[in-house]
Amino acid sequence: MTPPEAPATGTKPEVVETPPAVSVCLEVLKNRADFLRTARSKRKPMPGFLLQARKRGVDEAPSDMIRVGYTCSKKVGNAIARNRAKRRLREVARARLPIHGRPGWDYVLVGRPGETIARPFADLLSDLDAALAKIHGGSA
């Protein structure tokens, strides 16, 4: 006797192949020097955050990946508020940087007091799209 979930005809169920969700690997910036180099480069203030971006040199990290960092000062609020703001920034970056970001670039998202937490998530997504388009000269 076969179990109830086994196919009666003995055929295998169809296997549906799905493409990978993200084709570009995001790496998180961890070194202070990387944050400082990015802070000296291009910047685009948006209502929900500040985007800092720079193209890495040939002698730096591999050029086939996008690196991203997140920061929120104490002006954003207490630790709970800062962590919430950074979680929102991480999700925005995860959703948009593989699509509109460029490999070989470093990006830092800086939280804004009150705005990063209170701004609707859809607006944060559109802010990042617009900031990337502006940083990359109109074509992200």
Protein backbone atom coordinates (compact mmCIF):
# COMPACT_ATOMS: atom_id res chain seq x y z
CA MET A 1 0.00 0.00 0.00
CA THR A 2 1.39 3.42 -0.99
CA PRO A 3 1.17 6.52 1.17
CA PRO A 4 -1.57 8.99 0.22
CA GLU A 5 0.86 11.64 -1.10
CA ALA A 6 2.59 9.27 -3.53
CA PRO A 7 1.56 9.68 -7.19
CA ALA A 8 -0.78 6.91 -8.28
CA THR A 9 0.67 6.58 -11.79
CA GLY A 10 4.30 6.45 -10.71
CA THR A 11 5.31 9.60 -12.62
CA LYS A 12 7.53 12.23 -11.08
CA PRO A 13 6.07 15.67 -10.37
CA GLU A 14 7.16 18.47 -12.69
CA VAL A 15 10.22 20.39 -11.60
CA VAL A 16 9.91 24.08 -12.31
CA GLU A 17 13.21 25.92 -12.57
CA THR A 18 13.17 29.45 -11.28
CA PRO A 19 15.86 31.98 -12.07
CA PRO A 20 17.97 33.24 -9.19
CA ALA A 21 16.33 36.12 -7.35
CA VAL A 22 19.45 38.27 -7.38
CA SER A 23 22.15 38.06 -10.00
CA VAL A 24 24.41 40.65 -8.35
CA CYS A 25 26.03 40.01 -5.01
CA LEU A 26 25.75 42.74 -2.37
CA GLU A 27 28.62 42.92 0.08
CA VAL A 28 28.35 44.96 3.29
CA LEU A 29 30.95 47.64 4.02
CA LYS A 30 32.57 47.08 7.40
CA ASN A 31 35.79 49.11 7.46
CA ARG A 32 35.74 52.73 8.57
CA ALA A 33 38.17 53.62 5.78
CA ASP A 34 35.66 52.43 3.16
CA PHE A 35 32.94 54.61 4.70
CA LEU A 36 35.30 57.63 4.75
CA ARG A 37 36.36 57.16 1.11
CA THR A 38 32.71 56.95 0.08
CA ALA A 39 31.85 60.05 2.13
CA ARG A 40 34.40 62.07 0.12
CA SER A 41 32.77 61.11 -3.20
CA LYS A 42 29.38 61.74 -4.81
CA ARG A 43 26.38 62.38 -2.59
CA LYS A 44 22.70 62.81 -3.26
CA PRO A 45 20.42 63.98 -0.45
CA MET A 46 16.89 62.59 -0.58
CA PRO A 47 13.95 63.15 1.78
CA GLY A 48 14.35 59.75 3.48
CA PHE A 49 18.13 59.36 3.51
CA LEU A 50 21.45 60.57 2.12
CA LEU A 51 23.08 58.43 -0.56
CA GLN A 52 26.86 58.49 -0.89
CA ALA A 53 28.44 56.65 -3.81
CA ARG A 54 31.84 56.11 -5.39
CA LYS A 55 33.39 53.97 -8.07
CA ARG A 56 36.12 51.73 -6.66
CA GLY A 57 39.62 51.79 -8.09
CA VAL A 58 41.17 48.85 -9.91
CA ASP A 59 43.43 48.02 -6.95
CA GLU A 60 40.51 47.64 -4.51
CA ALA A 61 37.88 44.95 -3.92
CA PRO A 62 36.60 42.85 -6.85
CA SER A 63 34.82 44.99 -9.41
CA ASP A 64 32.02 42.50 -10.08
CA MET A 65 30.17 43.16 -6.83
CA ILE A 66 28.23 46.03 -5.30
CA ARG A 67 29.24 47.04 -1.79
CA VAL A 68 26.82 48.86 0.50
CA GLY A 69 27.00 50.34 3.99
CA TYR A 70 24.40 51.75 6.37
CA THR A 71 24.78 54.33 9.10
CA CYS A 72 22.55 56.29 11.43
CA SER A 73 23.81 58.83 13.94
CA LYS A 74 22.36 59.41 17.39
CA LYS A 75 20.37 62.28 15.87
CA VAL A 76 18.07 59.60 14.42
CA GLY A 77 17.11 58.54 17.95
CA ASN A 78 17.87 55.92 20.54
CA ALA A 79 19.27 52.48 19.67
CA ILE A 80 15.84 51.09 18.87
CA ALA A 81 15.09 53.90 16.40
CA ARG A 82 18.55 53.65 14.79
CA ASN A 83 18.22 49.89 14.35
CA ARG A 84 14.76 50.26 12.83
CA ALA A 85 16.04 52.91 10.42
CA LYS A 86 18.97 50.69 9.39
CA ARG A 87 16.65 47.70 8.86
CA ARG A 88 14.52 49.82 6.53
CA LEU A 89 17.63 51.03 4.65
CA ARG A 90 18.92 47.44 4.32
CA GLU A 91 15.62 46.32 2.82
CA VAL A 92 15.53 49.26 0.39
CA ALA A 93 19.08 48.48 -0.73
CA ARG A 94 18.34 44.76 -1.05
CA ALA A 95 15.34 45.51 -3.25
CA ARG A 96 16.84 48.16 -5.52
CA LEU A 97 20.66 47.99 -5.70
CA PRO A 98 20.83 44.69 -7.62
CA ILE A 99 18.57 46.28 -10.27
CA HIS A 100 19.75 49.90 -10.43
CA GLY A 101 23.19 49.79 -8.77
CA ARG A 102 26.40 49.24 -10.68
CA PRO A 103 29.02 46.58 -10.00
CA GLY A 104 32.31 48.08 -8.88
CA TRP A 105 30.61 50.84 -6.86
CA ASP A 106 30.34 51.46 -3.11
CA TYR A 107 27.13 52.94 -1.71
CA VAL A 108 26.43 54.23 1.80
CA LEU A 109 22.88 54.99 2.96
CA VAL A 110 22.75 57.49 5.82
CA GLY A 111 19.55 57.67 7.85
CA ARG A 112 17.81 61.00 8.47
CA PRO A 113 16.27 61.98 11.81
CA GLY A 114 12.54 61.24 11.80
CA GLU A 115 12.31 60.74 8.04
CA THR A 116 13.89 57.32 7.54
CA ILE A 117 11.49 55.71 10.01
CA ALA A 118 8.35 57.74 9.25
CA ARG A 119 8.56 57.88 5.44
CA PRO A 120 6.40 55.31 3.62
CA PHE A 121 8.44 52.39 2.33
CA ALA A 122 7.31 52.90 -1.28
CA ASP A 123 8.64 56.47 -1.11
CA LEU A 124 12.01 55.20 0.17
CA LEU A 125 12.19 52.83 -2.80
CA SER A 126 11.42 55.61 -5.28
CA ASP A 127 13.92 57.89 -3.49
CA LEU A 128 16.69 55.34 -4.00
CA ASP A 129 15.75 54.87 -7.66
CA ALA A 130 15.90 58.64 -8.24
CA ALA A 131 19.15 59.05 -6.31
CA LEU A 132 20.86 56.25 -8.25
CA ALA A 133 19.68 57.73 -11.55
CA LYS A 134 21.08 61.11 -10.56
CA ILE A 135 24.41 59.67 -9.34
CA HIS A 136 24.90 57.62 -12.50
CA GLY A 137 24.03 60.49 -14.82
CA GLY A 138 20.42 59.79 -15.62
CA SER A 139 20.73 56.09 -16.45
CA ALA A 140 20.86 53.69 -13.54
